[in-house]
Amino acid sequence: MHFLVTGATGLLGNNVVRQLLAAGHRVRVLARPSADPRPLAGLDIELAAGDVRDKEAVCRACQGIDVVIHAAGYVHIGWKEGEMHRAINVEGTRHVAAAAREAGAILVHVSTVNALGLGRLEDPADEETALPGIVPVPYVTTKREAEQIVQGEVGRGLRAAIVNPATMFGPWDWKPSSGKMLLEVTRASLFAPVGSASFCDVRDVAAGVIAAAAGPARDQGLTGRRYILAGHNLSYREAWRQIAALVGKPGPRLPMGPIFRAIAGPVCDLRTQLTGKEGAANSAALALSRQAHCFSSARAERELDYRIRPLAETLRDAWRWFVENGYVPRK
């Protein structure tokens, strides 16, 4: 089959491309000319230069394609950069979904569990039972809007599935994205958030994304059906302890409780006001980190043969990749 992958230089997109090539598929990627060349170096791909914000470039890239995997997205967990989130996550998805429908291609739209809402550690949510109340940062709200756009195109005849990954770790994290958490925790981890999340292997998620392209049954799986691609539901404190163990550290000892947040949140936001740039540490990120983001992948396990490998294997392989690629100083 002939696949188009957007977001192919990102963590998930790059793993999807590599798995597709290993399976013998033809792969075209839509990538900006300014994109980091390392993720695609040496890969037998067809490069379509362009940006999901460019409607004409997206339409050209979709011509002759059987399946579009839309993994491009903009992620900043904070209150700022709403315009960029909207341009890429909403309008970019609008372009991709419409172009896939017009080209007669199947679409697998990569969303996030955050678009669904919340799920308790002791009672993980599924595709239908997520709880309200997630902090409404632009990333969350625009990913929800993007799903609505895909569903709208399904109503016009698009064959599509939506996948909702959780927090992913693994190799080929060039930016890095979620791996930034791993790197930071191994450097220093006295405090840990009081919330929880689902931690998974990007390679498992990539396999689930590819499986969703076929659909468990073409009369059901490709009519806008959602699939959570999650993993191990843990408190951040426990997950960070396992991460810290990679380098022989004990991990965090103190929670980021109300006093910590009451001090750190305003300080971070003041820095944003003074510098004009919102960093990864901000009051929105702190608020999200105290919530429970725990989910069940039971539907994907039943219908897509989704498998969740041990978290220790995921963390070990992610760490090894960072070390081998110069993100961690060799001793």
C-alpha atoms as a PDB file:
ATOM      1  CA  MET A   1       0.000   0.000   0.000  1.00  0.00           C
ATOM      2  CA  HIS A   2       1.009   3.611  -0.498  1.00  0.00           C
ATOM      3  CA  PHE A   3       0.998   5.658   2.721  1.00  0.00           C
ATOM      4  CA  LEU A   4       1.298   9.383   3.383  1.00  0.00           C
ATOM      5  CA  VAL A   5       2.551  10.295   6.846  1.00  0.00           C
ATOM      6  CA  THR A   6       2.377  13.802   8.266  1.00  0.00           C
ATOM      7  CA  GLY A   7       4.461  14.618  11.318  1.00  0.00           C
ATOM      8  CA  ALA A   8       7.051  12.077  10.148  1.00  0.00           C
ATOM      9  CA  THR A   9       9.905  13.822  11.966  1.00  0.00           C
ATOM     10  CA  GLY A  10       8.139  13.580  15.329  1.00  0.00           C
ATOM     11  CA  LEU A  11       8.355  10.738  17.828  1.00  0.00           C
ATOM     12  CA  LEU A  12       5.261   8.808  16.755  1.00  0.00           C
ATOM     13  CA  GLY A  13       5.376   9.721  13.070  1.00  0.00           C
ATOM     14  CA  ASN A  14       9.004   8.646  12.742  1.00  0.00           C
ATOM     15  CA  ASN A  15       8.295   5.275  14.346  1.00  0.00           C
ATOM     16  CA  VAL A  16       5.275   4.811  12.063  1.00  0.00           C
ATOM     17  CA  VAL A  17       7.401   5.505   8.983  1.00  0.00           C
ATOM     18  CA  ARG A  18      10.041   3.010  10.054  1.00  0.00           C
ATOM     19  CA  GLN A  19       7.480   0.283  10.747  1.00  0.00           C
ATOM     20  CA  LEU A  20       5.757   0.861   7.420  1.00  0.00           C
ATOM     21  CA  LEU A  21       9.044   0.608   5.541  1.00  0.00           C
ATOM     22  CA  ALA A  22       9.967  -2.553   7.438  1.00  0.00           C
ATOM     23  CA  ALA A  23       6.645  -4.070   6.332  1.00  0.00           C
ATOM     24  CA  GLY A  24       7.407  -3.290   2.690  1.00  0.00           C
ATOM     25  CA  HIS A  25       4.988  -0.411   2.169  1.00  0.00           C
ATOM     26  CA  ARG A  26       5.628   2.641   0.014  1.00  0.00           C
ATOM     27  CA  VAL A  27       5.843   5.773   2.136  1.00  0.00           C
ATOM     28  CA  ARG A  28       5.503   9.428   1.249  1.00  0.00           C
ATOM     29  CA  VAL A  29       6.016  12.024   3.937  1.00  0.00           C
ATOM     30  CA  LEU A  30       4.841  15.618   4.069  1.00  0.00           C
ATOM     31  CA  ALA A  31       7.614  17.622   5.714  1.00  0.00           C
ATOM     32  CA  ARG A  32       8.600  21.259   5.881  1.00  0.00           C
ATOM     33  CA  PRO A  33      11.857  22.131   4.085  1.00  0.00           C
ATOM     34  CA  SER A  34      13.125  23.562   7.387  1.00  0.00           C
ATOM     35  CA  ALA A  35      12.450  20.331   9.307  1.00  0.00           C
ATOM     36  CA  ASP A  36      15.275  18.533  11.088  1.00  0.00           C
ATOM     37  CA  PRO A  37      16.784  16.212   8.431  1.00  0.00           C
ATOM     38  CA  ARG A  38      18.024  13.585  10.899  1.00  0.00           C
ATOM     39  CA  PRO A  39      14.755  11.670  11.448  1.00  0.00           C
ATOM     40  CA  LEU A  40      14.386  10.864   7.738  1.00  0.00           C
ATOM     41  CA  ALA A  41      18.052  10.473   6.825  1.00  0.00           C
ATOM     42  CA  GLY A  42      18.760   7.236   4.969  1.00  0.00           C
ATOM     43  CA  LEU A  43      15.109   6.167   4.791  1.00  0.00           C
ATOM     44  CA  ASP A  44      13.656   4.985   1.482  1.00  0.00           C
ATOM     45  CA  ILE A  45      10.829   7.485   1.365  1.00  0.00           C
ATOM     46  CA  GLU A  46       9.237   9.880  -1.077  1.00  0.00           C
ATOM     47  CA  LEU A  47       9.471  13.407   0.230  1.00  0.00           C
ATOM     48  CA  ALA A  48       6.658  15.884  -0.396  1.00  0.00           C
ATOM     49  CA  ALA A  49       7.772  19.323   0.702  1.00  0.00           C
ATOM     50  CA  GLY A  50       5.053  21.254   2.450  1.00  0.00           C
ATOM     51  CA  ASP A  51       3.177  22.093   5.612  1.00  0.00           C
ATOM     52  CA  VAL A  52      -0.249  20.971   6.836  1.00  0.00           C
ATOM     53  CA  ARG A  53      -1.181  24.654   7.011  1.00  0.00           C
ATOM     54  CA  ASP A  54      -0.803  24.838   3.209  1.00  0.00           C
ATOM     55  CA  LYS A  55      -4.002  23.425   1.710  1.00  0.00           C
ATOM     56  CA  GLU A  56      -2.587  23.049  -1.801  1.00  0.00           C
ATOM     57  CA  ALA A  57       0.533  21.257  -0.584  1.00  0.00           C
ATOM     58  CA  VAL A  58      -1.621  18.826   1.382  1.00  0.00           C
ATOM     59  CA  CYS A  59      -3.846  18.125  -1.619  1.00  0.00           C
ATOM     60  CA  ARG A  60      -0.816  17.413  -3.821  1.00  0.00           C
ATOM     61  CA  ALA A  61       0.698  15.125  -1.207  1.00  0.00           C
ATOM     62  CA  CYS A  62      -2.519  13.072  -0.960  1.00  0.00           C
ATOM     63  CA  GLN A  63      -2.717  12.265  -4.666  1.00  0.00           C
ATOM     64  CA  GLY A  64      -2.323   8.548  -5.368  1.00  0.00           C
ATOM     65  CA  ILE A  65      -2.275   7.651  -1.681  1.00  0.00           C
ATOM     66  CA  ASP A  66      -4.161   4.711  -0.145  1.00  0.00           C
ATOM     67  CA  VAL A  67      -3.801   5.663   3.533  1.00  0.00           C
ATOM     68  CA  VAL A  68      -3.027   8.979   5.225  1.00  0.00           C
ATOM     69  CA  ILE A  69      -1.637   8.826   8.743  1.00  0.00           C
ATOM     70  CA  HIS A  70      -2.004  12.305  10.182  1.00  0.00           C
ATOM     71  CA  ALA A  71       0.487  12.479  13.038  1.00  0.00           C
ATOM     72  CA  ALA A  72       1.410  16.150  12.683  1.00  0.00           C
ATOM     73  CA  GLY A  73       0.449  18.350  15.580  1.00  0.00           C
ATOM     74  CA  TYR A  74       1.561  21.234  17.730  1.00  0.00           C
ATOM     75  CA  VAL A  75       2.097  20.568  21.427  1.00  0.00           C
ATOM     76  CA  HIS A  76       2.704  23.182  24.082  1.00  0.00           C
ATOM     77  CA  ILE A  77       1.228  22.513  27.513  1.00  0.00           C
ATOM     78  CA  GLY A  78       0.476  26.020  28.715  1.00  0.00           C
ATOM     79  CA  TRP A  79      -1.883  28.956  28.304  1.00  0.00           C
ATOM     80  CA  LYS A  80      -0.037  30.544  25.387  1.00  0.00           C
ATOM     81  CA  GLU A  81       0.469  29.843  21.669  1.00  0.00           C
ATOM     82  CA  GLY A  82      -3.216  29.333  20.961  1.00  0.00           C
ATOM     83  CA  GLU A  83      -2.911  30.683  17.422  1.00  0.00           C
ATOM     84  CA  MET A  84      -0.219  28.166  16.516  1.00  0.00           C
ATOM     85  CA  HIS A  85      -2.242  25.321  18.025  1.00  0.00           C
ATOM     86  CA  ARG A  86      -5.258  26.366  16.009  1.00  0.00           C
ATOM     87  CA  ALA A  87      -3.344  26.789  12.754  1.00  0.00           C
ATOM     88  CA  ILE A  88      -1.755  23.340  12.927  1.00  0.00           C
ATOM     89  CA  ASN A  89      -4.088  21.183  15.006  1.00  0.00           C
ATOM     90  CA  VAL A  90      -7.395  22.526  13.720  1.00  0.00           C
ATOM     91  CA  GLU A  91      -6.865  24.068  10.283  1.00  0.00           C
ATOM     92  CA  GLY A  92      -4.112  21.585   9.410  1.00  0.00           C
ATOM     93  CA  THR A  93      -6.440  18.698  10.242  1.00  0.00           C
ATOM     94  CA  ARG A  94      -9.180  20.342   8.193  1.00  0.00           C
ATOM     95  CA  HIS A  95      -6.865  20.375   5.176  1.00  0.00           C
ATOM     96  CA  VAL A  96      -5.690  16.785   5.661  1.00  0.00           C
ATOM     97  CA  ALA A  97      -9.133  15.291   6.287  1.00  0.00           C
ATOM     98  CA  ALA A  98     -10.707  17.032   3.282  1.00  0.00           C
ATOM     99  CA  ALA A  99      -7.791  16.112   1.010  1.00  0.00           C
ATOM    100  CA  ALA A 100      -7.900  12.467   2.111  1.00  0.00           C
ATOM    101  CA  ARG A 101     -11.623  12.285   1.383  1.00  0.00           C
ATOM    102  CA  GLU A 102     -11.218  13.900  -2.035  1.00  0.00           C
ATOM    103  CA  ALA A 103      -8.358  11.506  -2.876  1.00  0.00           C
ATOM    104  CA  GLY A 104     -10.400   8.469  -1.790  1.00  0.00           C
ATOM    105  CA  ALA A 105      -7.820   7.601   0.877  1.00  0.00           C
ATOM    106  CA  ILE A 106      -8.313   6.153   4.347  1.00  0.00           C
ATOM    107  CA  LEU A 107      -7.353   8.506   7.192  1.00  0.00           C
ATOM    108  CA  VAL A 108      -5.950   7.587  10.581  1.00  0.00           C
ATOM    109  CA  HIS A 109      -6.066  10.738  12.668  1.00  0.00           C
ATOM    110  CA  VAL A 110      -3.705  10.871  15.638  1.00  0.00           C
ATOM    111  CA  SER A 111      -5.353  12.674  18.538  1.00  0.00           C
ATOM    112  CA  THR A 112      -4.554  12.304  22.251  1.00  0.00           C
ATOM    113  CA  VAL A 113      -6.187  10.898  25.374  1.00  0.00           C
ATOM    114  CA  ASN A 114      -6.290  14.496  26.611  1.00  0.00           C
ATOM    115  CA  ALA A 115      -8.985  15.189  24.017  1.00  0.00           C
ATOM    116  CA  LEU A 116     -11.209  12.637  25.760  1.00  0.00           C
ATOM    117  CA  GLY A 117     -10.882  14.057  29.269  1.00  0.00           C
ATOM    118  CA  LEU A 118      -9.767  12.412  32.491  1.00  0.00           C
ATOM    119  CA  GLY A 119      -9.646   8.905  33.932  1.00  0.00           C
ATOM    120  CA  ARG A 120      -8.941   7.850  37.515  1.00  0.00           C
ATOM    121  CA  LEU A 121      -5.945   5.731  38.470  1.00  0.00           C
ATOM    122  CA  GLU A 122      -8.231   3.245  40.238  1.00  0.00           C
ATOM    123  CA  ASP A 123     -10.830   3.373  37.438  1.00  0.00           C
ATOM    124  CA  PRO A 124      -9.244   4.117  34.033  1.00  0.00           C
ATOM    125  CA  ALA A 125     -11.562   5.594  31.434  1.00  0.00           C
ATOM    126  CA  ASP A 126     -12.315   4.146  28.021  1.00  0.00           C
ATOM    127  CA  GLU A 127     -13.434   5.832  24.800  1.00  0.00           C
ATOM    128  CA  GLU A 128     -16.919   6.455  26.212  1.00  0.00           C
ATOM    129  CA  THR A 129     -16.387   7.062  29.932  1.00  0.00           C
ATOM    130  CA  ALA A 130     -13.800   9.835  30.235  1.00  0.00           C
ATOM    131  CA  LEU A 131     -14.532  12.377  32.937  1.00  0.00           C
ATOM    132  CA  PRO A 132     -14.910  16.149  32.448  1.00  0.00           C
ATOM    133  CA  GLY A 133     -12.757  18.773  34.111  1.00  0.00           C
ATOM    134  CA  ILE A 134      -9.438  18.583  32.285  1.00  0.00           C
ATOM    135  CA  VAL A 135      -7.594  21.906  32.323  1.00  0.00           C
ATOM    136  CA  PRO A 136      -8.671  23.566  29.032  1.00  0.00           C
ATOM    137  CA  VAL A 137      -5.295  24.544  27.611  1.00  0.00           C
ATOM    138  CA  PRO A 138      -5.155  25.322  23.867  1.00  0.00           C
ATOM    139  CA  TYR A 139      -3.573  21.945  23.118  1.00  0.00           C
ATOM    140  CA  VAL A 140      -6.552  20.111  24.626  1.00  0.00           C
ATOM    141  CA  THR A 141      -9.248  22.293  23.096  1.00  0.00           C
ATOM    142  CA  THR A 142      -7.731  22.282  19.602  1.00  0.00           C
ATOM    143  CA  LYS A 143      -7.233  18.511  19.581  1.00  0.00           C
ATOM    144  CA  ARG A 144     -10.909  18.151  20.471  1.00  0.00           C
ATOM    145  CA  GLU A 145     -11.870  20.455  17.623  1.00  0.00           C
ATOM    146  CA  ALA A 146      -9.672  18.450  15.262  1.00  0.00           C
ATOM    147  CA  GLU A 147     -11.574  15.272  16.139  1.00  0.00           C
ATOM    148  CA  GLN A 148     -14.843  17.051  15.382  1.00  0.00           C
ATOM    149  CA  ILE A 149     -13.494  18.036  11.969  1.00  0.00           C
ATOM    150  CA  VAL A 150     -12.586  14.433  11.191  1.00  0.00           C
ATOM    151  CA  GLN A 151     -16.030  13.260  12.270  1.00  0.00           C
ATOM    152  CA  GLY A 152     -17.567  15.902  10.030  1.00  0.00           C
ATOM    153  CA  GLU A 153     -15.617  14.589   7.044  1.00  0.00           C
ATOM    154  CA  VAL A 154     -16.678  11.046   7.937  1.00  0.00           C
ATOM    155  CA  GLY A 155     -20.227  12.302   7.501  1.00  0.00           C
ATOM    156  CA  ARG A 156     -19.239  13.351   3.970  1.00  0.00           C
ATOM    157  CA  GLY A 157     -17.864   9.948   3.092  1.00  0.00           C
ATOM    158  CA  LEU A 158     -14.344   9.883   4.534  1.00  0.00           C
ATOM    159  CA  ARG A 159     -13.188   6.499   5.805  1.00  0.00           C
ATOM    160  CA  ALA A 160     -11.330   7.304   8.997  1.00  0.00           C
ATOM    161  CA  ALA A 161     -10.304   6.059  12.401  1.00  0.00           C
ATOM    162  CA  ILE A 162      -9.157   8.182  15.341  1.00  0.00           C
ATOM    163  CA  VAL A 163      -6.434   7.026  17.711  1.00  0.00           C
ATOM    164  CA  ASN A 164      -5.841   8.549  21.133  1.00  0.00           C
ATOM    165  CA  PRO A 165      -2.305   7.853  22.393  1.00  0.00           C
ATOM    166  CA  ALA A 166      -1.202   8.417  25.971  1.00  0.00           C
ATOM    167  CA  THR A 167       2.271   9.508  27.148  1.00  0.00           C
ATOM    168  CA  MET A 168       4.794   7.833  24.859  1.00  0.00           C
ATOM    169  CA  PHE A 169       8.440   6.969  25.382  1.00  0.00           C
ATOM    170  CA  GLY A 170      10.787   5.186  23.034  1.00  0.00           C
ATOM    171  CA  PRO A 171      13.480   5.484  20.369  1.00  0.00           C
ATOM    172  CA  TRP A 172      13.659   7.998  17.517  1.00  0.00           C
ATOM    173  CA  ASP A 173      12.615  10.882  19.764  1.00  0.00           C
ATOM    174  CA  TRP A 174      14.701  13.458  17.953  1.00  0.00           C
ATOM    175  CA  LYS A 175      13.111  16.656  19.255  1.00  0.00           C
ATOM    176  CA  PRO A 176      12.812  15.256  22.021  1.00  0.00           C
ATOM    177  CA  SER A 177       9.116  15.281  22.930  1.00  0.00           C
ATOM    178  CA  SER A 178       7.913  13.050  25.788  1.00  0.00           C
ATOM    179  CA  GLY A 179      11.503  11.949  26.208  1.00  0.00           C
ATOM    180  CA  LYS A 180      12.246  15.376  27.628  1.00  0.00           C
ATOM    181  CA  MET A 181      10.503  14.197  30.807  1.00  0.00           C
ATOM    182  CA  LEU A 182      12.786  11.169  30.950  1.00  0.00           C
ATOM    183  CA  LEU A 183      15.903  13.267  30.482  1.00  0.00           C
ATOM    184  CA  GLU A 184      14.894  15.841  33.089  1.00  0.00           C
ATOM    185  CA  VAL A 185      13.925  13.266  35.710  1.00  0.00           C
ATOM    186  CA  THR A 186      17.259  11.466  35.360  1.00  0.00           C
ATOM    187  CA  ARG A 187      19.059  14.769  36.000  1.00  0.00           C
ATOM    188  CA  ALA A 188      17.080  15.895  39.052  1.00  0.00           C
ATOM    189  CA  SER A 189      13.839  14.647  40.563  1.00  0.00           C
ATOM    190  CA  LEU A 190      13.308  15.813  44.131  1.00  0.00           C
ATOM    191  CA  PHE A 191       9.643  16.742  43.525  1.00  0.00           C
ATOM    192  CA  ALA A 192       7.004  14.791  41.600  1.00  0.00           C
ATOM    193  CA  PRO A 193       3.489  15.812  40.502  1.00  0.00           C
ATOM    194  CA  VAL A 194       0.617  14.426  42.554  1.00  0.00           C
ATOM    195  CA  GLY A 195      -1.374  13.281  39.510  1.00  0.00           C
ATOM    196  CA  SER A 196      -1.190  10.159  37.375  1.00  0.00           C
ATOM    197  CA  ALA A 197      -1.008   9.181  33.722  1.00  0.00           C
ATOM    198  CA  SER A 198      -0.782   6.281  31.304  1.00  0.00           C
ATOM    199  CA  PHE A 199       2.736   5.552  30.013  1.00  0.00           C
ATOM    200  CA  CYS A 200       3.265   3.551  26.830  1.00  0.00           C
ATOM    201  CA  ASP A 201       5.841   2.540  24.239  1.00  0.00           C
ATOM    202  CA  VAL A 202       5.811   4.544  21.013  1.00  0.00           C
ATOM    203  CA  ARG A 203       6.560   1.370  19.056  1.00  0.00           C
ATOM    204  CA  ASP A 204       3.372  -0.244  20.374  1.00  0.00           C
ATOM    205  CA  VAL A 205       1.418   2.888  19.551  1.00  0.00           C
ATOM    206  CA  ALA A 206       2.876   2.994  16.018  1.00  0.00           C
ATOM    207  CA  ALA A 207       1.787  -0.596  15.460  1.00  0.00           C
ATOM    208  CA  GLY A 208      -1.697   0.305  16.719  1.00  0.00           C
ATOM    209  CA  VAL A 209      -1.878   3.280  14.369  1.00  0.00           C
ATOM    210  CA  ILE A 210      -1.015   1.087  11.387  1.00  0.00           C
ATOM    211  CA  ALA A 211      -3.534  -1.563  12.473  1.00  0.00           C
ATOM    212  CA  ALA A 212      -6.228   1.111  12.688  1.00  0.00           C
ATOM    213  CA  ALA A 213      -5.727   1.833   8.984  1.00  0.00           C
ATOM    214  CA  ALA A 214      -7.230  -1.543   8.140  1.00  0.00           C
ATOM    215  CA  GLY A 215      -9.983  -1.324  10.719  1.00  0.00           C
ATOM    216  CA  PRO A 216     -11.296  -4.319  12.667  1.00  0.00           C
ATOM    217  CA  ALA A 217     -14.176  -4.323  10.180  1.00  0.00           C
ATOM    218  CA  ARG A 218     -14.349  -1.804   7.378  1.00  0.00           C
ATOM    219  CA  ASP A 219     -18.018  -1.096   8.051  1.00  0.00           C
ATOM    220  CA  GLN A 220     -17.234  -0.087  11.644  1.00  0.00           C
ATOM    221  CA  GLY A 221     -13.575   0.660  12.313  1.00  0.00           C
ATOM    222  CA  LEU A 222     -13.267   3.253   9.566  1.00  0.00           C
ATOM    223  CA  THR A 223     -16.376   5.255  10.378  1.00  0.00           C
ATOM    224  CA  GLY A 224     -14.746   7.571  12.872  1.00  0.00           C
ATOM    225  CA  ARG A 225     -14.289   4.960  15.607  1.00  0.00           C
ATOM    226  CA  ARG A 226     -11.855   5.913  18.372  1.00  0.00           C
ATOM    227  CA  TYR A 227      -9.117   3.740  19.790  1.00  0.00           C
ATOM    228  CA  ILE A 228      -7.229   4.559  22.965  1.00  0.00           C
ATOM    229  CA  LEU A 229      -3.585   3.512  22.638  1.00  0.00           C
ATOM    230  CA  ALA A 230      -2.407   3.763  26.221  1.00  0.00           C
ATOM    231  CA  GLY A 231      -0.262   1.662  28.533  1.00  0.00           C
ATOM    232  CA  HIS A 232       0.648   1.406  32.206  1.00  0.00           C
ATOM    233  CA  ASN A 233      -1.422   3.604  34.524  1.00  0.00           C
ATOM    234  CA  LEU A 234       0.818   4.952  37.273  1.00  0.00           C
ATOM    235  CA  SER A 235       1.185   7.938  39.536  1.00  0.00           C
ATOM    236  CA  TYR A 236       3.806  10.360  38.286  1.00  0.00           C
ATOM    237  CA  ARG A 237       5.757   9.684  41.444  1.00  0.00           C
ATOM    238  CA  GLU A 238       5.997   5.948  40.718  1.00  0.00           C
ATOM    239  CA  ALA A 239       6.751   6.484  37.017  1.00  0.00           C
ATOM    240  CA  TRP A 240       9.458   9.008  37.850  1.00  0.00           C
ATOM    241  CA  ARG A 241      11.003   6.625  40.351  1.00  0.00           C
ATOM    242  CA  GLN A 242      11.282   4.010  37.630  1.00  0.00           C
ATOM    243  CA  ILE A 243      12.832   6.587  35.304  1.00  0.00           C
ATOM    244  CA  ALA A 244      15.323   7.732  37.952  1.00  0.00           C
ATOM    245  CA  ALA A 245      16.331   4.104  38.504  1.00  0.00           C
ATOM    246  CA  LEU A 246      17.789   4.096  34.976  1.00  0.00           C
ATOM    247  CA  VAL A 247      20.727   6.089  36.323  1.00  0.00           C
ATOM    248  CA  GLY A 248      20.788   4.637  39.809  1.00  0.00           C
ATOM    249  CA  LYS A 249      18.913   7.447  41.533  1.00  0.00           C
ATOM    250  CA  PRO A 250      16.143   6.954  44.129  1.00  0.00           C
ATOM    251  CA  GLY A 251      13.691   9.275  42.409  1.00  0.00           C
ATOM    252  CA  PRO A 252      11.446  12.008  43.797  1.00  0.00           C
ATOM    253  CA  ARG A 253      10.877  12.202  47.532  1.00  0.00           C
ATOM    254  CA  LEU A 254       8.378  15.068  47.824  1.00  0.00           C
ATOM    255  CA  PRO A 255       5.047  15.816  46.138  1.00  0.00           C
ATOM    256  CA  MET A 256       4.288  18.972  44.200  1.00  0.00           C
ATOM    257  CA  GLY A 257       1.514  19.738  46.652  1.00  0.00           C
ATOM    258  CA  PRO A 258      -0.612  22.859  47.073  1.00  0.00           C
ATOM    259  CA  ILE A 259       2.160  24.902  48.711  1.00  0.00           C
ATOM    260  CA  PHE A 260       4.611  24.025  45.937  1.00  0.00           C
ATOM    261  CA  ARG A 261       2.032  24.916  43.256  1.00  0.00           C
ATOM    262  CA  ALA A 262       1.005  28.119  45.035  1.00  0.00           C
ATOM    263  CA  ILE A 263       4.594  29.334  44.872  1.00  0.00           C
ATOM    264  CA  ALA A 264       5.828  27.818  41.615  1.00  0.00           C
ATOM    265  CA  GLY A 265       2.790  28.660  39.470  1.00  0.00           C
ATOM    266  CA  PRO A 266       2.861  32.447  39.973  1.00  0.00           C
ATOM    267  CA  VAL A 267       6.667  32.516  39.723  1.00  0.00           C
ATOM    268  CA  CYS A 268       6.583  30.706  36.381  1.00  0.00           C
ATOM    269  CA  ASP A 269       3.797  32.928  35.068  1.00  0.00           C
ATOM    270  CA  LEU A 270       5.674  36.047  36.175  1.00  0.00           C
ATOM    271  CA  ARG A 271       8.660  34.834  34.187  1.00  0.00           C
ATOM    272  CA  THR A 272       6.364  34.437  31.187  1.00  0.00           C
ATOM    273  CA  GLN A 273       5.203  38.040  31.561  1.00  0.00           C
ATOM    274  CA  LEU A 274       8.740  39.355  31.888  1.00  0.00           C
ATOM    275  CA  THR A 275      10.262  37.362  29.041  1.00  0.00           C
ATOM    276  CA  GLY A 276       7.263  37.130  26.728  1.00  0.00           C
ATOM    277  CA  LYS A 277       7.879  33.396  26.377  1.00  0.00           C
ATOM    278  CA  GLU A 278       6.046  30.657  28.255  1.00  0.00           C
ATOM    279  CA  GLY A 279       8.331  27.793  29.216  1.00  0.00           C
ATOM    280  CA  ALA A 280       7.440  24.173  29.902  1.00  0.00           C
ATOM    281  CA  ALA A 281       7.051  25.039  33.597  1.00  0.00           C
ATOM    282  CA  ASN A 282       3.906  27.158  33.966  1.00  0.00           C
ATOM    283  CA  SER A 283       0.694  27.230  35.978  1.00  0.00           C
ATOM    284  CA  ALA A 284      -1.279  25.332  33.321  1.00  0.00           C
ATOM    285  CA  ALA A 285       1.229  22.480  33.202  1.00  0.00           C
ATOM    286  CA  LEU A 286       1.269  22.323  37.010  1.00  0.00           C
ATOM    287  CA  ALA A 287      -2.532  22.191  37.101  1.00  0.00           C
ATOM    288  CA  LEU A 288      -2.648  19.385  34.529  1.00  0.00           C
ATOM    289  CA  SER A 289       0.007  17.433  36.422  1.00  0.00           C
ATOM    290  CA  ARG A 290      -2.221  17.153  39.492  1.00  0.00           C
ATOM    291  CA  GLN A 291      -5.021  15.518  37.473  1.00  0.00           C
ATOM    292  CA  ALA A 292      -5.528  11.829  36.656  1.00  0.00           C
ATOM    293  CA  HIS A 293      -4.971  10.918  32.984  1.00  0.00           C
ATOM    294  CA  CYS A 294      -5.469   7.143  33.182  1.00  0.00           C
ATOM    295  CA  PHE A 295      -7.047   5.107  30.395  1.00  0.00           C
ATOM    296  CA  SER A 296      -7.882   1.588  29.265  1.00  0.00           C
ATOM    297  CA  SER A 297      -6.824   0.254  25.857  1.00  0.00           C
ATOM    298  CA  ALA A 298      -9.234  -2.698  25.998  1.00  0.00           C
ATOM    299  CA  ARG A 299     -10.991  -1.797  22.728  1.00  0.00           C
ATOM    300  CA  ALA A 300      -7.715  -1.533  20.837  1.00  0.00           C
ATOM    301  CA  GLU A 301      -6.496  -4.774  22.405  1.00  0.00           C
ATOM    302  CA  ARG A 302      -9.645  -6.561  21.208  1.00  0.00           C
ATOM    303  CA  GLU A 303     -10.027  -5.006  17.788  1.00  0.00           C
ATOM    304  CA  LEU A 304      -6.515  -3.994  16.738  1.00  0.00           C
ATOM    305  CA  ASP A 305      -4.488  -6.656  18.555  1.00  0.00           C
ATOM    306  CA  TYR A 306      -2.807  -3.799  20.424  1.00  0.00           C
ATOM    307  CA  ARG A 307      -0.107  -4.978  22.803  1.00  0.00           C
ATOM    308  CA  ILE A 308       1.513  -3.198  25.750  1.00  0.00           C
ATOM    309  CA  ARG A 309       5.080  -4.193  26.523  1.00  0.00           C
ATOM    310  CA  PRO A 310       6.650  -3.897  30.001  1.00  0.00           C
ATOM    311  CA  LEU A 311       7.405  -0.322  30.986  1.00  0.00           C
ATOM    312  CA  ALA A 312      10.907  -1.304  32.103  1.00  0.00           C
ATOM    313  CA  GLU A 313      11.705  -2.368  28.532  1.00  0.00           C
ATOM    314  CA  THR A 314      10.318   0.884  27.142  1.00  0.00           C
ATOM    315  CA  LEU A 315      12.304   3.072  29.517  1.00  0.00           C
ATOM    316  CA  ARG A 316      15.488   1.077  29.009  1.00  0.00           C
ATOM    317  CA  ASP A 317      15.284   1.293  25.207  1.00  0.00           C
ATOM    318  CA  ALA A 318      14.398   4.983  25.248  1.00  0.00           C
ATOM    319  CA  TRP A 319      17.318   5.745  27.557  1.00  0.00           C
ATOM    320  CA  ARG A 320      19.697   3.690  25.418  1.00  0.00           C
ATOM    321  CA  TRP A 321      18.618   5.569  22.293  1.00  0.00           C
ATOM    322  CA  PHE A 322      19.232   8.939  23.956  1.00  0.00           C
ATOM    323  CA  VAL A 323      22.665   7.825  25.128  1.00  0.00           C
ATOM    324  CA  GLU A 324      23.633   6.437  21.707  1.00  0.00           C
ATOM    325  CA  ASN A 325      22.509   9.606  19.945  1.00  0.00           C
ATOM    326  CA  GLY A 326      24.348  12.096  22.131  1.00  0.00           C
ATOM    327  CA  TYR A 327      21.528  13.416  24.303  1.00  0.00           C
ATOM    328  CA  VAL A 328      23.268  12.101  27.416  1.00  0.00           C
ATOM    329  CA  PRO A 329      26.982  12.621  28.096  1.00  0.00           C
ATOM    330  CA  ARG A 330      28.839   9.306  28.043  1.00  0.00           C
ATOM    331  CA  LYS A 331      30.793   8.551  31.178  1.00  0.00           C
END
